[in-house]
Structure formats: structure tokens, C-alpha cells
Amino acid sequence: MRLLKRIGDRLAAAVLLIVLSPILAAIALWIVVDGGRPAILAQDRAGKHGKTFRMLKYRTMVQNALELAAQLTDDPFGVVENDPRITRPGRFLRRSGLDELPQLWNVLRGEMSLVGPRPDLVEQAKNYTEHDRRRLEVEPGITGWSQVNGREAIGWPERIEQDIWYIDHWSLGLDLKILWRTFSELGRSGEKPVVDAMNIERARARK
């Protein structure tokens, strides 16, 4: 069944990249016209078994977003409500979920799946406990169980438990359910992000 999932992921990614290529190009042009290059960011993320890969994503924040982060939140990996760093195209792309479309290339390369735990930044994964590392047992996904059950409105402890629940109860039927819920919820109003105490405390402990 896992082999079927991997084959289906790559076939779907290849078809979608071809079919959506005009939309992908139009989004990239919009971002560049609005705020310059780059249109797509490549970030180091923790993949299956913690292996680092370069995850692609449309740029939705201003170019100096990381430098501004410390002025807005103590969570080095977090976002804030009405985040001033998010660009005009970025607001639409985040709400619609279109900012994740470049990750179809990661799926085609076998680095990601259509459905799975969202890939964390490598620096964030370094703070994992042994229990947390269970979410690295499978390929990360463009969407996942925690994405359709709270997303940014829940803290990391709950997200991790949801991801582990997904891994323990995985089936092709569950993946189809998550995909259906992802598409049905596109364009919904964004949830109010929570201040994630766990990330803040772990980041401070590593200093």
C-alpha cells in the first residue's frame, strides 16, 4: 500500500505540474511584479528520518522577513495575527493554499508526499524529543491531518500528536479524506495563530 501511495503521489504531481504550469507561471510573475525576486524560496526542511531537503514555496513575505521576526514574536518559527511581513500576493496565496504548489516538484522527486506531516525547518526539528521524532517516520506532506484540524490555530504539542495519530492510523482512504477536506476548505478565513510556548522554551534552552 505504501508503494501504491508513492507511485500515485509522483504520477499526480507530474500531471498537476503540467496542467497547472500556466497558473504557476502567473503566480510567480505576480510576486515578482509586486515585490521583486525571488518568487520561489527554497528552504532546508527535515524530511523522512530527518534527512534534509530543499522545500520549494512561493515567497509570501517581504524579503527581510527573518530580520523582522524578532520584533514581532518570541517564537522563532511562528507567525502573528495580521502579520505585517506578509505581502499582498502572499495574503491571497496563503488563504488559498496556492503558496504550497511548488512543492509538487518535491513530491515528484520523492522528497515529499501529497499527504503527510508538514515538514519542519531543520532548526525546529533539532528541538524534537524522541517522541516528537516519530513524525519523521514518513515523507512529509503538502497537506496533512493537522492541516485540516486546526493548522496555525493549534500549538505544536497538539500538532505533533495529530501527526503521530495519522502515522499510526494511515490508510489510502484517510489520505483521500484529507485531500478532500483540504480542497473543500480552500479560501477559508485564516485561523488566529497561537503563541507557541513549546517552540519558544526549546529555542531558549538551546542558546
C-alpha atoms as a PDB file:
ATOM      1  CA  MET A   1       0.000   0.000   0.000  1.00  0.00           C
ATOM      2  CA  ARG A   2       2.858   2.386   0.761  1.00  0.00           C
ATOM      3  CA  LEU A   3       4.336   1.637  -2.667  1.00  0.00           C
ATOM      4  CA  LEU A   4       0.987   2.455  -4.262  1.00  0.00           C
ATOM      5  CA  LYS A   5       0.952   5.754  -2.357  1.00  0.00           C
ATOM      6  CA  ARG A   6       4.434   6.678  -3.608  1.00  0.00           C
ATOM      7  CA  ILE A   7       3.589   5.813  -7.219  1.00  0.00           C
ATOM      8  CA  GLY A   8       0.279   7.701  -7.015  1.00  0.00           C
ATOM      9  CA  ASP A   9       1.995  10.730  -5.485  1.00  0.00           C
ATOM     10  CA  ARG A  10       4.523  11.021  -8.300  1.00  0.00           C
ATOM     11  CA  LEU A  11       2.020  10.452 -11.071  1.00  0.00           C
ATOM     12  CA  ALA A  12      -0.358  13.037  -9.608  1.00  0.00           C
ATOM     13  CA  ALA A  13       2.482  15.539  -9.129  1.00  0.00           C
ATOM     14  CA  ALA A  14       3.665  15.132 -12.728  1.00  0.00           C
ATOM     15  CA  VAL A  15       0.163  15.626 -14.135  1.00  0.00           C
ATOM     16  CA  LEU A  16      -0.574  18.615 -11.901  1.00  0.00           C
ATOM     17  CA  LEU A  17       2.724  20.333 -12.748  1.00  0.00           C
ATOM     18  CA  ILE A  18       1.880  20.097 -16.437  1.00  0.00           C
ATOM     19  CA  VAL A  19      -1.785  21.091 -16.137  1.00  0.00           C
ATOM     20  CA  LEU A  20      -1.131  23.939 -13.698  1.00  0.00           C
ATOM     21  CA  SER A  21       2.011  25.295 -15.395  1.00  0.00           C
ATOM     22  CA  PRO A  22       0.264  28.463 -16.694  1.00  0.00           C
ATOM     23  CA  ILE A  23      -1.061  29.204 -13.195  1.00  0.00           C
ATOM     24  CA  LEU A  24       2.340  28.506 -11.630  1.00  0.00           C
ATOM     25  CA  ALA A  25       3.998  30.941 -14.034  1.00  0.00           C
ATOM     26  CA  ALA A  26       1.318  33.602 -13.488  1.00  0.00           C
ATOM     27  CA  ILE A  27       1.708  33.435  -9.702  1.00  0.00           C
ATOM     28  CA  ALA A  28       5.485  33.759  -9.984  1.00  0.00           C
ATOM     29  CA  LEU A  29       5.109  36.813 -12.231  1.00  0.00           C
ATOM     30  CA  TRP A  30       2.644  38.417  -9.812  1.00  0.00           C
ATOM     31  CA  ILE A  31       5.062  38.015  -6.903  1.00  0.00           C
ATOM     32  CA  VAL A  32       7.989  39.476  -8.866  1.00  0.00           C
ATOM     33  CA  VAL A  33       5.971  42.448 -10.136  1.00  0.00           C
ATOM     34  CA  ASP A  34       4.652  43.189  -6.646  1.00  0.00           C
ATOM     35  CA  GLY A  35       7.867  42.906  -4.664  1.00  0.00           C
ATOM     36  CA  GLY A  36      10.781  41.718  -6.746  1.00  0.00           C
ATOM     37  CA  ARG A  37      12.646  38.449  -6.758  1.00  0.00           C
ATOM     38  CA  PRO A  38      12.751  35.708  -5.700  1.00  0.00           C
ATOM     39  CA  ALA A  39       9.283  34.382  -6.490  1.00  0.00           C
ATOM     40  CA  ILE A  40      10.091  30.953  -5.066  1.00  0.00           C
ATOM     41  CA  LEU A  41      12.020  30.184  -1.887  1.00  0.00           C
ATOM     42  CA  ALA A  42      13.998  27.016  -1.249  1.00  0.00           C
ATOM     43  CA  GLN A  43      14.221  26.263   2.473  1.00  0.00           C
ATOM     44  CA  ASP A  44      16.053  23.461   4.250  1.00  0.00           C
ATOM     45  CA  ARG A  45      13.446  21.185   5.834  1.00  0.00           C
ATOM     46  CA  ALA A  46      13.554  17.939   7.783  1.00  0.00           C
ATOM     47  CA  GLY A  47      12.277  15.092   5.630  1.00  0.00           C
ATOM     48  CA  LYS A  48      11.771  11.389   6.253  1.00  0.00           C
ATOM     49  CA  HIS A  49      14.074  10.149   9.034  1.00  0.00           C
ATOM     50  CA  GLY A  50      15.275  13.725   9.450  1.00  0.00           C
ATOM     51  CA  LYS A  51      17.057  13.867   6.085  1.00  0.00           C
ATOM     52  CA  THR A  52      17.436  17.466   4.943  1.00  0.00           C
ATOM     53  CA  PHE A  53      15.905  18.520   1.634  1.00  0.00           C
ATOM     54  CA  ARG A  54      15.186  21.841  -0.070  1.00  0.00           C
ATOM     55  CA  MET A  55      11.449  22.529   0.087  1.00  0.00           C
ATOM     56  CA  LEU A  56      10.064  24.907  -2.516  1.00  0.00           C
ATOM     57  CA  LYS A  57       7.449  27.516  -1.713  1.00  0.00           C
ATOM     58  CA  TYR A  58       6.183  30.751  -3.194  1.00  0.00           C
ATOM     59  CA  ARG A  59       7.531  33.768  -1.319  1.00  0.00           C
ATOM     60  CA  THR A  60       4.661  35.263   0.666  1.00  0.00           C
ATOM     61  CA  MET A  61       6.612  37.580   2.978  1.00  0.00           C
ATOM     62  CA  VAL A  62       8.818  40.598   2.488  1.00  0.00           C
ATOM     63  CA  GLN A  63      12.429  39.861   1.686  1.00  0.00           C
ATOM     64  CA  ASN A  64      13.712  40.775   5.178  1.00  0.00           C
ATOM     65  CA  ALA A  65      11.060  38.725   6.995  1.00  0.00           C
ATOM     66  CA  LEU A  66      13.545  36.811   9.150  1.00  0.00           C
ATOM     67  CA  GLU A  67      15.191  40.003  10.384  1.00  0.00           C
ATOM     68  CA  LEU A  68      11.792  41.423  11.361  1.00  0.00           C
ATOM     69  CA  ALA A  69      10.659  38.270  13.175  1.00  0.00           C
ATOM     70  CA  ALA A  70      12.346  39.147  16.477  1.00  0.00           C
ATOM     71  CA  GLN A  71      10.362  42.395  16.631  1.00  0.00           C
ATOM     72  CA  LEU A  72       7.044  40.580  16.327  1.00  0.00           C
ATOM     73  CA  THR A  73       7.232  37.321  18.291  1.00  0.00           C
ATOM     74  CA  ASP A  74       9.436  35.311  20.656  1.00  0.00           C
ATOM     75  CA  ASP A  75       8.644  32.193  18.630  1.00  0.00           C
ATOM     76  CA  PRO A  76      11.488  31.939  16.078  1.00  0.00           C
ATOM     77  CA  PHE A  77       9.323  29.756  13.833  1.00  0.00           C
ATOM     78  CA  GLY A  78       5.964  31.431  14.324  1.00  0.00           C
ATOM     79  CA  VAL A  79       3.677  33.921  12.637  1.00  0.00           C
ATOM     80  CA  VAL A  80       1.467  36.536  14.250  1.00  0.00           C
ATOM     81  CA  GLU A  81      -2.064  37.688  13.597  1.00  0.00           C
ATOM     82  CA  ASN A  82      -2.222  40.263  10.780  1.00  0.00           C
ATOM     83  CA  ASP A  83       1.486  39.674  10.202  1.00  0.00           C
ATOM     84  CA  PRO A  84       2.861  42.866   8.562  1.00  0.00           C
ATOM     85  CA  ARG A  85       5.563  40.838   6.815  1.00  0.00           C
ATOM     86  CA  ILE A  86       3.043  39.126   4.533  1.00  0.00           C
ATOM     87  CA  THR A  87       2.854  40.692   1.078  1.00  0.00           C
ATOM     88  CA  ARG A  88      -0.295  41.491  -0.886  1.00  0.00           C
ATOM     89  CA  PRO A  89       0.046  38.400  -3.107  1.00  0.00           C
ATOM     90  CA  GLY A  90       1.089  36.459  -0.002  1.00  0.00           C
ATOM     91  CA  ARG A  91      -2.224  37.046   1.763  1.00  0.00           C
ATOM     92  CA  PHE A  92      -4.153  35.547  -1.132  1.00  0.00           C
ATOM     93  CA  LEU A  93      -1.708  32.689  -1.670  1.00  0.00           C
ATOM     94  CA  ARG A  94      -1.734  31.684   1.996  1.00  0.00           C
ATOM     95  CA  ARG A  95      -5.510  31.829   2.280  1.00  0.00           C
ATOM     96  CA  SER A  96      -5.964  29.790  -0.891  1.00  0.00           C
ATOM     97  CA  GLY A  97      -3.126  27.381  -0.161  1.00  0.00           C
ATOM     98  CA  LEU A  98      -1.575  28.136  -3.556  1.00  0.00           C
ATOM     99  CA  ASP A  99       1.726  29.089  -1.898  1.00  0.00           C
ATOM    100  CA  GLU A 100       2.406  25.361  -1.468  1.00  0.00           C
ATOM    101  CA  LEU A 101       2.060  24.450  -5.177  1.00  0.00           C
ATOM    102  CA  PRO A 102       5.825  24.475  -5.930  1.00  0.00           C
ATOM    103  CA  GLN A 103       6.105  21.514  -3.547  1.00  0.00           C
ATOM    104  CA  LEU A 104       4.638  19.352  -6.306  1.00  0.00           C
ATOM    105  CA  TRP A 105       8.223  19.318  -7.572  1.00  0.00           C
ATOM    106  CA  ASN A 106       9.371  17.945  -4.201  1.00  0.00           C
ATOM    107  CA  VAL A 107       6.694  15.250  -4.486  1.00  0.00           C
ATOM    108  CA  LEU A 108       7.860  14.346  -7.988  1.00  0.00           C
ATOM    109  CA  ARG A 109      11.411  13.992  -6.649  1.00  0.00           C
ATOM    110  CA  GLY A 110      10.222  11.673  -3.883  1.00  0.00           C
ATOM    111  CA  GLU A 111      11.159  14.088  -1.093  1.00  0.00           C
ATOM    112  CA  MET A 112       7.545  14.745  -0.103  1.00  0.00           C
ATOM    113  CA  SER A 113       4.095  13.220  -0.390  1.00  0.00           C
ATOM    114  CA  LEU A 114       0.775  14.833  -1.205  1.00  0.00           C
ATOM    115  CA  VAL A 115      -0.354  13.942   2.331  1.00  0.00           C
ATOM    116  CA  GLY A 116       1.765  13.664   5.459  1.00  0.00           C
ATOM    117  CA  PRO A 117       3.074  15.681   8.413  1.00  0.00           C
ATOM    118  CA  ARG A 118       4.128  19.154   7.331  1.00  0.00           C
ATOM    119  CA  PRO A 119       7.944  19.427   7.064  1.00  0.00           C
ATOM    120  CA  ASP A 120       9.562  21.478   9.805  1.00  0.00           C
ATOM    121  CA  LEU A 121      12.578  23.710   9.464  1.00  0.00           C
ATOM    122  CA  VAL A 122      15.786  21.818  10.238  1.00  0.00           C
ATOM    123  CA  GLU A 123      16.430  24.131  13.204  1.00  0.00           C
ATOM    124  CA  GLN A 124      12.996  23.319  14.585  1.00  0.00           C
ATOM    125  CA  ALA A 125      13.490  19.569  14.179  1.00  0.00           C
ATOM    126  CA  LYS A 126      16.690  19.821  16.231  1.00  0.00           C
ATOM    127  CA  ASN A 127      14.458  20.647  19.211  1.00  0.00           C
ATOM    128  CA  TYR A 128      12.448  17.427  18.848  1.00  0.00           C
ATOM    129  CA  THR A 129      12.243  14.941  21.679  1.00  0.00           C
ATOM    130  CA  GLU A 130      12.482  11.234  20.852  1.00  0.00           C
ATOM    131  CA  HIS A 131       8.682  11.112  20.917  1.00  0.00           C
ATOM    132  CA  ASP A 132       8.407  14.064  18.515  1.00  0.00           C
ATOM    133  CA  ARG A 133      10.748  12.384  16.040  1.00  0.00           C
ATOM    134  CA  ARG A 134       8.047   9.844  15.287  1.00  0.00           C
ATOM    135  CA  ARG A 135       6.522  12.379  12.893  1.00  0.00           C
ATOM    136  CA  LEU A 136       9.652  11.883  10.748  1.00  0.00           C
ATOM    137  CA  GLU A 137       8.849   8.214  10.101  1.00  0.00           C
ATOM    138  CA  VAL A 138       7.131   9.044   6.796  1.00  0.00           C
ATOM    139  CA  GLU A 139       7.592  11.517   3.953  1.00  0.00           C
ATOM    140  CA  PRO A 140       6.304  14.997   4.857  1.00  0.00           C
ATOM    141  CA  GLY A 141       3.235  16.209   3.001  1.00  0.00           C
ATOM    142  CA  ILE A 142       1.908  19.252   1.177  1.00  0.00           C
ATOM    143  CA  THR A 143      -1.175  18.826   3.340  1.00  0.00           C
ATOM    144  CA  GLY A 144      -1.845  16.657   6.363  1.00  0.00           C
ATOM    145  CA  TRP A 145      -4.104  15.666   9.233  1.00  0.00           C
ATOM    146  CA  SER A 146      -3.095  18.636  11.384  1.00  0.00           C
ATOM    147  CA  GLN A 147      -3.574  20.959   8.384  1.00  0.00           C
ATOM    148  CA  VAL A 148      -7.271  20.136   8.228  1.00  0.00           C
ATOM    149  CA  ASN A 149      -7.673  20.024  12.009  1.00  0.00           C
ATOM    150  CA  GLY A 150      -6.591  23.431  13.196  1.00  0.00           C
ATOM    151  CA  ARG A 151      -3.464  24.335  11.274  1.00  0.00           C
ATOM    152  CA  GLU A 152      -1.935  27.503  12.832  1.00  0.00           C
ATOM    153  CA  ALA A 153      -4.694  27.769  15.442  1.00  0.00           C
ATOM    154  CA  ILE A 154      -3.236  24.870  17.463  1.00  0.00           C
ATOM    155  CA  GLY A 155       0.096  24.626  19.250  1.00  0.00           C
ATOM    156  CA  TRP A 156       2.957  22.310  18.409  1.00  0.00           C
ATOM    157  CA  PRO A 157       2.241  19.680  21.087  1.00  0.00           C
ATOM    158  CA  GLU A 158      -1.219  19.106  19.600  1.00  0.00           C
ATOM    159  CA  ARG A 159       0.075  19.150  16.024  1.00  0.00           C
ATOM    160  CA  ILE A 160       2.673  16.534  16.865  1.00  0.00           C
ATOM    161  CA  GLU A 161       0.096  14.267  18.479  1.00  0.00           C
ATOM    162  CA  GLN A 162      -2.159  14.646  15.441  1.00  0.00           C
ATOM    163  CA  ASP A 163       0.722  13.762  13.099  1.00  0.00           C
ATOM    164  CA  ILE A 164       1.593  10.682  15.136  1.00  0.00           C
ATOM    165  CA  TRP A 165      -2.073   9.670  15.138  1.00  0.00           C
ATOM    166  CA  TYR A 166      -2.048   9.964  11.339  1.00  0.00           C
ATOM    167  CA  ILE A 167       1.041   7.755  11.052  1.00  0.00           C
ATOM    168  CA  ASP A 168      -0.471   5.107  13.342  1.00  0.00           C
ATOM    169  CA  HIS A 169      -3.820   5.084  11.503  1.00  0.00           C
ATOM    170  CA  TRP A 170      -2.626   5.664   7.948  1.00  0.00           C
ATOM    171  CA  SER A 171      -4.583   4.304   5.012  1.00  0.00           C
ATOM    172  CA  LEU A 172      -5.204   5.354   1.427  1.00  0.00           C
ATOM    173  CA  GLY A 173      -8.767   6.133   2.475  1.00  0.00           C
ATOM    174  CA  LEU A 174      -7.527   8.514   5.178  1.00  0.00           C
ATOM    175  CA  ASP A 175      -5.282  10.260   2.638  1.00  0.00           C
ATOM    176  CA  LEU A 176      -8.247  10.724   0.286  1.00  0.00           C
ATOM    177  CA  LYS A 177     -10.297  12.132   3.174  1.00  0.00           C
ATOM    178  CA  ILE A 178      -7.544  14.649   3.983  1.00  0.00           C
ATOM    179  CA  LEU A 179      -7.220  15.676   0.333  1.00  0.00           C
ATOM    180  CA  TRP A 180     -10.975  16.170   0.070  1.00  0.00           C
ATOM    181  CA  ARG A 181     -11.077  18.272   3.233  1.00  0.00           C
ATOM    182  CA  THR A 182      -8.075  20.298   2.028  1.00  0.00           C
ATOM    183  CA  PHE A 183      -9.783  21.220  -1.251  1.00  0.00           C
ATOM    184  CA  SER A 184     -13.136  21.864   0.426  1.00  0.00           C
ATOM    185  CA  GLU A 185     -11.543  24.306   2.891  1.00  0.00           C
ATOM    186  CA  LEU A 186      -9.509  26.326   0.370  1.00  0.00           C
ATOM    187  CA  GLY A 187     -10.225  30.029   0.632  1.00  0.00           C
ATOM    188  CA  ARG A 188     -11.481  29.842   4.200  1.00  0.00           C
ATOM    189  CA  SER A 189     -10.648  32.665   6.560  1.00  0.00           C
ATOM    190  CA  GLY A 190      -7.317  32.140   8.260  1.00  0.00           C
ATOM    191  CA  GLU A 191      -7.252  30.925  11.825  1.00  0.00           C
ATOM    192  CA  LYS A 192      -5.820  33.136  14.541  1.00  0.00           C
ATOM    193  CA  PRO A 193      -2.278  31.801  15.115  1.00  0.00           C
ATOM    194  CA  VAL A 194      -1.385  30.808  18.652  1.00  0.00           C
ATOM    195  CA  VAL A 195       1.751  31.769  20.537  1.00  0.00           C
ATOM    196  CA  ASP A 196       3.635  28.505  20.719  1.00  0.00           C
ATOM    197  CA  ALA A 197       5.219  28.275  24.158  1.00  0.00           C
ATOM    198  CA  MET A 198       6.904  24.947  23.376  1.00  0.00           C
ATOM    199  CA  ASN A 199       8.930  26.345  20.484  1.00  0.00           C
ATOM    200  CA  ILE A 200       9.901  29.416  22.493  1.00  0.00           C
ATOM    201  CA  GLU A 201      11.062  27.406  25.505  1.00  0.00           C
ATOM    202  CA  ARG A 202      13.010  24.869  23.432  1.00  0.00           C
ATOM    203  CA  ALA A 203      14.717  27.566  21.370  1.00  0.00           C
ATOM    204  CA  ARG A 204      15.802  29.399  24.543  1.00  0.00           C
ATOM    205  CA  ALA A 205      17.086  26.167  26.074  1.00  0.00           C
ATOM    206  CA  ARG A 206      19.420  25.594  23.115  1.00  0.00           C
ATOM    207  CA  LYS A 207      21.084  29.006  23.466  1.00  0.00           C
END
